Amino acid sequence: MRARAETAQAQVRESLAAYKLEVAKTYVSVATLKDVERRLTDHLLRIETKLENGCAPFAQPYVPPYGDGGRR
């Protein structure tokens, strides 16, 4: 009975160690997340401004350089 408990305890320790390692590999600080969020938001706002100001006119549709639809 004692041997089985020790085996189970060892397995739990190994599982916990593996979990801690996985968390350490994938951990991102709150500051880093906030920085990424700010940069993404800023970029999206710039895109929105460009679209609202009409800086991306598409007067003519794209025509591939070959008559077969551009497939080669």
PDB file of N, CA and C in Angstrom:
ATOM      1  N   MET A   1       0.833  -1.192   0.000  1.00  0.00           N
ATOM      2  CA  MET A   1       0.000   0.000   0.000  1.00  0.00           C
ATOM      3  C   MET A   1       0.883   1.263   0.000  1.00  0.00           C
ATOM      4  N   ARG A   2       1.910   1.264   0.809  1.00  0.00           N
ATOM      5  CA  ARG A   2       2.800   2.415   0.893  1.00  0.00           C
ATOM      6  C   ARG A   2       3.545   2.629  -0.426  1.00  0.00           C
ATOM      7  N   ALA A   3       3.953   1.536  -1.055  1.00  0.00           N
ATOM      8  CA  ALA A   3       4.676   1.645  -2.326  1.00  0.00           C
ATOM      9  C   ALA A   3       3.779   2.267  -3.397  1.00  0.00           C
ATOM     10  N   ARG A   4       2.519   1.894  -3.403  1.00  0.00           N
ATOM     11  CA  ARG A   4       1.586   2.444  -4.393  1.00  0.00           C
ATOM     12  C   ARG A   4       1.380   3.942  -4.163  1.00  0.00           C
ATOM     13  N   ALA A   5       1.307   4.351  -2.895  1.00  0.00           N
ATOM     14  CA  ALA A   5       1.148   5.769  -2.569  1.00  0.00           C
ATOM     15  C   ALA A   5       2.381   6.560  -2.988  1.00  0.00           C
ATOM     16  N   GLU A   6       3.557   5.987  -2.770  1.00  0.00           N
ATOM     17  CA  GLU A   6       4.793   6.669  -3.163  1.00  0.00           C
ATOM     18  C   GLU A   6       4.896   6.777  -4.687  1.00  0.00           C
ATOM     19  N   THR A   7       4.445   5.740  -5.388  1.00  0.00           N
ATOM     20  CA  THR A   7       4.444   5.778  -6.845  1.00  0.00           C
ATOM     21  C   THR A   7       3.487   6.856  -7.356  1.00  0.00           C
ATOM     22  N   ALA A   8       2.318   6.902  -6.757  1.00  0.00           N
ATOM     23  CA  ALA A   8       1.341   7.918  -7.144  1.00  0.00           C
ATOM     24  C   ALA A   8       1.876   9.316  -6.861  1.00  0.00           C
ATOM     25  N   GLN A   9       2.533   9.483  -5.730  1.00  0.00           N
ATOM     26  CA  GLN A   9       3.095  10.786  -5.374  1.00  0.00           C
ATOM     27  C   GLN A   9       4.186  11.182  -6.378  1.00  0.00           C
ATOM     28  N   ALA A  10       5.004  10.237  -6.769  1.00  0.00           N
ATOM     29  CA  ALA A  10       6.062  10.524  -7.744  1.00  0.00           C
ATOM     30  C   ALA A  10       5.456  10.933  -9.083  1.00  0.00           C
ATOM     31  N   GLN A  11       4.370  10.272  -9.486  1.00  0.00           N
ATOM     32  CA  GLN A  11       3.712  10.622 -10.738  1.00  0.00           C
ATOM     33  C   GLN A  11       3.110  12.023 -10.679  1.00  0.00           C
ATOM     34  N   VAL A  12       2.529  12.361  -9.535  1.00  0.00           N
ATOM     35  CA  VAL A  12       1.962  13.702  -9.365  1.00  0.00           C
ATOM     36  C   VAL A  12       3.067  14.742  -9.432  1.00  0.00           C
ATOM     37  N   ARG A  13       4.197  14.468  -8.810  1.00  0.00           N
ATOM     38  CA  ARG A  13       5.330  15.415  -8.856  1.00  0.00           C
ATOM     39  C   ARG A  13       5.839  15.585 -10.280  1.00  0.00           C
ATOM     40  N   GLU A  14       5.940  14.491 -11.016  1.00  0.00           N
ATOM     41  CA  GLU A  14       6.396  14.576 -12.404  1.00  0.00           C
ATOM     42  C   GLU A  14       5.409  15.379 -13.247  1.00  0.00           C
ATOM     43  N   SER A  15       4.138  15.140 -13.036  1.00  0.00           N
ATOM     44  CA  SER A  15       3.112  15.883 -13.782  1.00  0.00           C
ATOM     45  C   SER A  15       3.168  17.370 -13.451  1.00  0.00           C
ATOM     46  N   LEU A  16       3.334  17.678 -12.183  1.00  0.00           N
ATOM     47  CA  LEU A  16       3.428  19.075 -11.770  1.00  0.00           C
ATOM     48  C   LEU A  16       4.661  19.735 -12.363  1.00  0.00           C
ATOM     49  N   ALA A  17       5.771  19.023 -12.363  1.00  0.00           N
ATOM     50  CA  ALA A  17       6.996  19.573 -12.940  1.00  0.00           C
ATOM     51  C   ALA A  17       6.817  19.835 -14.434  1.00  0.00           C
ATOM     52  N   ALA A  18       6.161  18.908 -15.138  1.00  0.00           N
ATOM     53  CA  ALA A  18       5.912  19.092 -16.567  1.00  0.00           C
ATOM     54  C   ALA A  18       4.998  20.289 -16.802  1.00  0.00           C
ATOM     55  N   TYR A  19       3.979  20.438 -15.959  1.00  0.00           N
ATOM     56  CA  TYR A  19       3.061  21.573 -16.079  1.00  0.00           C
ATOM     57  C   TYR A  19       3.794  22.891 -15.836  1.00  0.00           C
ATOM     58  N   LYS A  20       4.618  22.927 -14.810  1.00  0.00           N
ATOM     59  CA  LYS A  20       5.380  24.147 -14.514  1.00  0.00           C
ATOM     60  C   LYS A  20       6.296  24.506 -15.669  1.00  0.00           C
ATOM     61  N   LEU A  21       6.911  23.500 -16.287  1.00  0.00           N
ATOM     62  CA  LEU A  21       7.777  23.749 -17.430  1.00  0.00           C
ATOM     63  C   LEU A  21       6.984  24.320 -18.602  1.00  0.00           C
ATOM     64  N   GLU A  22       5.810  23.765 -18.861  1.00  0.00           N
ATOM     65  CA  GLU A  22       4.964  24.260 -19.943  1.00  0.00           C
ATOM     66  C   GLU A  22       4.524  25.699 -19.682  1.00  0.00           C
ATOM     67  N   VAL A  23       4.153  26.002 -18.456  1.00  0.00           N
ATOM     68  CA  VAL A  23       3.759  27.371 -18.106  1.00  0.00           C
ATOM     69  C   VAL A  23       4.936  28.321 -18.307  1.00  0.00           C
ATOM     70  N   ALA A  24       6.120  27.900 -17.895  1.00  0.00           N
ATOM     71  CA  ALA A  24       7.300  28.752 -18.050  1.00  0.00           C
ATOM     72  C   ALA A  24       7.607  29.008 -19.530  1.00  0.00           C
ATOM     73  N   LYS A  25       7.377  28.009 -20.371  1.00  0.00           N
ATOM     74  CA  LYS A  25       7.650  28.175 -21.802  1.00  0.00           C
ATOM     75  C   LYS A  25       6.656  29.121 -22.461  1.00  0.00           C
ATOM     76  N   THR A  26       5.410  29.111 -22.021  1.00  0.00           N
ATOM     77  CA  THR A  26       4.365  29.879 -22.691  1.00  0.00           C
ATOM     78  C   THR A  26       3.963  31.143 -21.947  1.00  0.00           C
ATOM     79  N   TYR A  27       4.612  31.466 -20.861  1.00  0.00           N
ATOM     80  CA  TYR A  27       4.257  32.623 -20.040  1.00  0.00           C
ATOM     81  C   TYR A  27       4.576  33.918 -20.770  1.00  0.00           C
ATOM     82  N   VAL A  28       3.653  34.839 -20.714  1.00  0.00           N
ATOM     83  CA  VAL A  28       3.856  36.174 -21.255  1.00  0.00           C
ATOM     84  C   VAL A  28       3.436  37.157 -20.174  1.00  0.00           C
ATOM     85  N   SER A  29       4.266  38.145 -19.946  1.00  0.00           N
ATOM     86  CA  SER A  29       3.951  39.098 -18.891  1.00  0.00           C
ATOM     87  C   SER A  29       2.782  39.994 -19.294  1.00  0.00           C
ATOM     88  N   VAL A  30       2.114  40.543 -18.305  1.00  0.00           N
ATOM     89  CA  VAL A  30       0.993  41.462 -18.549  1.00  0.00           C
ATOM     90  C   VAL A  30       1.493  42.692 -19.296  1.00  0.00           C
ATOM     91  N   ALA A  31       2.670  43.165 -18.957  1.00  0.00           N
ATOM     92  CA  ALA A  31       3.223  44.344 -19.630  1.00  0.00           C
ATOM     93  C   ALA A  31       3.424  44.074 -21.120  1.00  0.00           C
ATOM     94  N   THR A  32       3.910  42.888 -21.444  1.00  0.00           N
ATOM     95  CA  THR A  32       4.116  42.535 -22.848  1.00  0.00           C
ATOM     96  C   THR A  32       2.783  42.469 -23.575  1.00  0.00           C
ATOM     97  N   LEU A  33       1.784  41.858 -22.950  1.00  0.00           N
ATOM     98  CA  LEU A  33       0.459  41.779 -23.564  1.00  0.00           C
ATOM     99  C   LEU A  33      -0.118  43.167 -23.807  1.00  0.00           C
ATOM    100  N   LYS A  34       0.030  44.060 -22.842  1.00  0.00           N
ATOM    101  CA  LYS A  34      -0.488  45.421 -22.997  1.00  0.00           C
ATOM    102  C   LYS A  34       0.228  46.155 -24.124  1.00  0.00           C
ATOM    103  N   ASP A  35       1.532  45.935 -24.247  1.00  0.00           N
ATOM    104  CA  ASP A  35       2.299  46.573 -25.307  1.00  0.00           C
ATOM    105  C   ASP A  35       1.833  46.076 -26.679  1.00  0.00           C
ATOM    106  N   VAL A  36       1.658  44.771 -26.816  1.00  0.00           N
ATOM    107  CA  VAL A  36       1.190  44.207 -28.083  1.00  0.00           C
ATOM    108  C   VAL A  36      -0.212  44.721 -28.403  1.00  0.00           C
ATOM    109  N   GLU A  37      -1.077  44.770 -27.405  1.00  0.00           N
ATOM    110  CA  GLU A  37      -2.430  45.277 -27.623  1.00  0.00           C
ATOM    111  C   GLU A  37      -2.395  46.731 -28.090  1.00  0.00           C
ATOM    112  N   ARG A  38      -1.562  47.556 -27.465  1.00  0.00           N
ATOM    113  CA  ARG A  38      -1.458  48.964 -27.846  1.00  0.00           C
ATOM    114  C   ARG A  38      -0.962  49.107 -29.276  1.00  0.00           C
ATOM    115  N   ARG A  39       0.059  48.327 -29.631  1.00  0.00           N
ATOM    116  CA  ARG A  39       0.602  48.417 -30.991  1.00  0.00           C
ATOM    117  C   ARG A  39      -0.414  47.964 -32.033  1.00  0.00           C
ATOM    118  N   LEU A  40      -1.127  46.889 -31.750  1.00  0.00           N
ATOM    119  CA  LEU A  40      -2.159  46.417 -32.682  1.00  0.00           C
ATOM    120  C   LEU A  40      -3.282  47.440 -32.837  1.00  0.00           C
ATOM    121  N   THR A  41      -3.709  47.999 -31.716  1.00  0.00           N
ATOM    122  CA  THR A  41      -4.771  49.009 -31.753  1.00  0.00           C
ATOM    123  C   THR A  41      -4.327  50.227 -32.555  1.00  0.00           C
ATOM    124  N   ASP A  42      -3.109  50.682 -32.312  1.00  0.00           N
ATOM    125  CA  ASP A  42      -2.597  51.829 -33.065  1.00  0.00           C
ATOM    126  C   ASP A  42      -2.576  51.544 -34.565  1.00  0.00           C
ATOM    127  N   HIS A  43      -2.118  50.364 -34.917  1.00  0.00           N
ATOM    128  CA  HIS A  43      -2.035  50.014 -36.328  1.00  0.00           C
ATOM    129  C   HIS A  43      -3.427  49.917 -36.958  1.00  0.00           C
ATOM    130  N   LEU A  44      -4.356  49.305 -36.250  1.00  0.00           N
ATOM    131  CA  LEU A  44      -5.727  49.208 -36.772  1.00  0.00           C
ATOM    132  C   LEU A  44      -6.359  50.579 -36.933  1.00  0.00           C
ATOM    133  N   LEU A  45      -6.080  51.474 -36.006  1.00  0.00           N
ATOM    134  CA  LEU A  45      -6.608  52.838 -36.129  1.00  0.00           C
ATOM    135  C   LEU A  45      -6.026  53.549 -37.340  1.00  0.00           C
ATOM    136  N   ARG A  46      -4.728  53.323 -37.626  1.00  0.00           N
ATOM    137  CA  ARG A  46      -4.123  53.926 -38.824  1.00  0.00           C
ATOM    138  C   ARG A  46      -4.774  53.374 -40.092  1.00  0.00           C
ATOM    139  N   ILE A  47      -5.023  52.077 -40.110  1.00  0.00           N
ATOM    140  CA  ILE A  47      -5.696  51.467 -41.267  1.00  0.00           C
ATOM    141  C   ILE A  47      -7.093  52.050 -41.439  1.00  0.00           C
ATOM    142  N   GLU A  48      -7.815  52.172 -40.328  1.00  0.00           N
ATOM    143  CA  GLU A  48      -9.168  52.736 -40.368  1.00  0.00           C
ATOM    144  C   GLU A  48      -9.147  54.153 -40.932  1.00  0.00           C
ATOM    145  N   THR A  49      -8.191  54.952 -40.486  1.00  0.00           N
ATOM    146  CA  THR A  49      -8.078  56.335 -40.960  1.00  0.00           C
ATOM    147  C   THR A  49      -7.813  56.366 -42.459  1.00  0.00           C
ATOM    148  N   LYS A  50      -6.922  55.508 -42.918  1.00  0.00           N
ATOM    149  CA  LYS A  50      -6.627  55.468 -44.352  1.00  0.00           C
ATOM    150  C   LYS A  50      -7.867  55.084 -45.158  1.00  0.00           C
ATOM    151  N   LEU A  51      -8.597  54.111 -44.666  1.00  0.00           N
ATOM    152  CA  LEU A  51      -9.798  53.680 -45.386  1.00  0.00           C
ATOM    153  C   LEU A  51     -10.863  54.770 -45.393  1.00  0.00           C
ATOM    154  N   GLU A  52     -11.012  55.462 -44.284  1.00  0.00           N
ATOM    155  CA  GLU A  52     -12.006  56.532 -44.208  1.00  0.00           C
ATOM    156  C   GLU A  52     -11.641  57.705 -45.109  1.00  0.00           C
ATOM    157  N   ASN A  53     -10.351  57.967 -45.280  1.00  0.00           N
ATOM    158  CA  ASN A  53      -9.900  59.085 -46.104  1.00  0.00           C
ATOM    159  C   ASN A  53      -9.815  58.726 -47.578  1.00  0.00           C
ATOM    160  N   GLY A  54     -10.114  57.505 -47.920  1.00  0.00           N
ATOM    161  CA  GLY A  54     -10.094  57.097 -49.322  1.00  0.00           C
ATOM    162  C   GLY A  54      -8.710  56.994 -49.908  1.00  0.00           C
ATOM    163  N   CYS A  55      -7.734  56.662 -49.131  1.00  0.00           N
ATOM    164  CA  CYS A  55      -6.359  56.566 -49.613  1.00  0.00           C
ATOM    165  C   CYS A  55      -6.088  55.282 -50.377  1.00  0.00           C
ATOM    166  N   ALA A  56      -7.073  54.442 -50.493  1.00  0.00           N
ATOM    167  CA  ALA A  56      -6.866  53.174 -51.193  1.00  0.00           C
ATOM    168  C   ALA A  56      -7.902  53.023 -52.306  1.00  0.00           C
ATOM    169  N   PRO A  57      -7.848  53.915 -53.313  1.00  0.00           N
ATOM    170  CA  PRO A  57      -8.846  53.803 -54.384  1.00  0.00           C
ATOM    171  C   PRO A  57      -8.550  52.602 -55.278  1.00  0.00           C
ATOM    172  N   PHE A  58      -9.592  51.913 -55.653  1.00  0.00           N
ATOM    173  CA  PHE A  58      -9.469  50.770 -56.537  1.00  0.00           C
ATOM    174  C   PHE A  58     -10.341  51.047 -57.759  1.00  0.00           C
ATOM    175  N   ALA A  59      -9.823  51.870 -58.676  1.00  0.00           N
ATOM    176  CA  ALA A  59     -10.598  52.275 -59.848  1.00  0.00           C
ATOM    177  C   ALA A  59     -10.798  51.129 -60.818  1.00  0.00           C
ATOM    178  N   GLN A  60      -9.750  50.329 -61.023  1.00  0.00           N
ATOM    179  CA  GLN A  60      -9.850  49.224 -61.965  1.00  0.00           C
ATOM    180  C   GLN A  60      -9.497  47.924 -61.269  1.00  0.00           C
ATOM    181  N   PRO A  61     -10.203  46.862 -61.607  1.00  0.00           N
ATOM    182  CA  PRO A  61      -9.873  45.576 -60.999  1.00  0.00           C
ATOM    183  C   PRO A  61      -8.532  45.067 -61.500  1.00  0.00           C
ATOM    184  N   TYR A  62      -7.906  44.229 -60.727  1.00  0.00           N
ATOM    185  CA  TYR A  62      -6.622  43.645 -61.099  1.00  0.00           C
ATOM    186  C   TYR A  62      -6.803  42.697 -62.274  1.00  0.00           C
ATOM    187  N   VAL A  63      -5.952  42.831 -63.282  1.00  0.00           N
ATOM    188  CA  VAL A  63      -5.969  41.938 -64.436  1.00  0.00           C
ATOM    189  C   VAL A  63      -4.643  41.204 -64.453  1.00  0.00           C
ATOM    190  N   PRO A  64      -4.685  39.868 -64.409  1.00  0.00           N
ATOM    191  CA  PRO A  64      -3.431  39.116 -64.418  1.00  0.00           C
ATOM    192  C   PRO A  64      -2.656  39.353 -65.706  1.00  0.00           C
ATOM    193  N   PRO A  65      -1.331  39.199 -65.676  1.00  0.00           N
ATOM    194  CA  PRO A  65      -0.516  39.501 -66.851  1.00  0.00           C
ATOM    195  C   PRO A  65      -0.725  38.537 -68.015  1.00  0.00           C
ATOM    196  N   TYR A  66      -1.316  37.371 -67.780  1.00  0.00           N
ATOM    197  CA  TYR A  66      -1.533  36.395 -68.848  1.00  0.00           C
ATOM    198  C   TYR A  66      -3.026  36.175 -69.038  1.00  0.00           C
ATOM    199  N   GLY A  67      -3.423  35.824 -70.235  1.00  0.00           N
ATOM    200  CA  GLY A  67      -4.829  35.621 -70.541  1.00  0.00           C
ATOM    201  C   GLY A  67      -5.433  34.380 -69.890  1.00  0.00           C
ATOM    202  N   ASP A  68      -4.590  33.534 -69.330  1.00  0.00           N
ATOM    203  CA  ASP A  68      -5.093  32.295 -68.717  1.00  0.00           C
ATOM    204  C   ASP A  68      -5.333  32.451 -67.214  1.00  0.00           C
ATOM    205  N   GLY A  69      -5.513  33.656 -66.739  1.00  0.00           N
ATOM    206  CA  GLY A  69      -5.760  33.880 -65.320  1.00  0.00           C
ATOM    207  C   GLY A  69      -4.496  33.918 -64.488  1.00  0.00           C
ATOM    208  N   GLY A  70      -3.342  34.016 -65.125  1.00  0.00           N
ATOM    209  CA  GLY A  70      -2.095  34.108 -64.395  1.00  0.00           C
ATOM    210  C   GLY A  70      -1.536  32.777 -63.939  1.00  0.00           C
ATOM    211  N   ARG A  71      -2.137  31.692 -64.390  1.00  0.00           N
ATOM    212  CA  ARG A  71      -1.658  30.373 -63.966  1.00  0.00           C
ATOM    213  C   ARG A  71      -0.538  29.906 -64.876  1.00  0.00           C
ATOM    214  N   ARG A  72       0.508  29.447 -64.290  1.00  0.00           N
ATOM    215  CA  ARG A  72       1.651  28.927 -65.051  1.00  0.00           C
ATOM    216  C   ARG A  72       2.103  27.639 -64.450  1.00  0.00           C
TER     217      ARG A  72
END
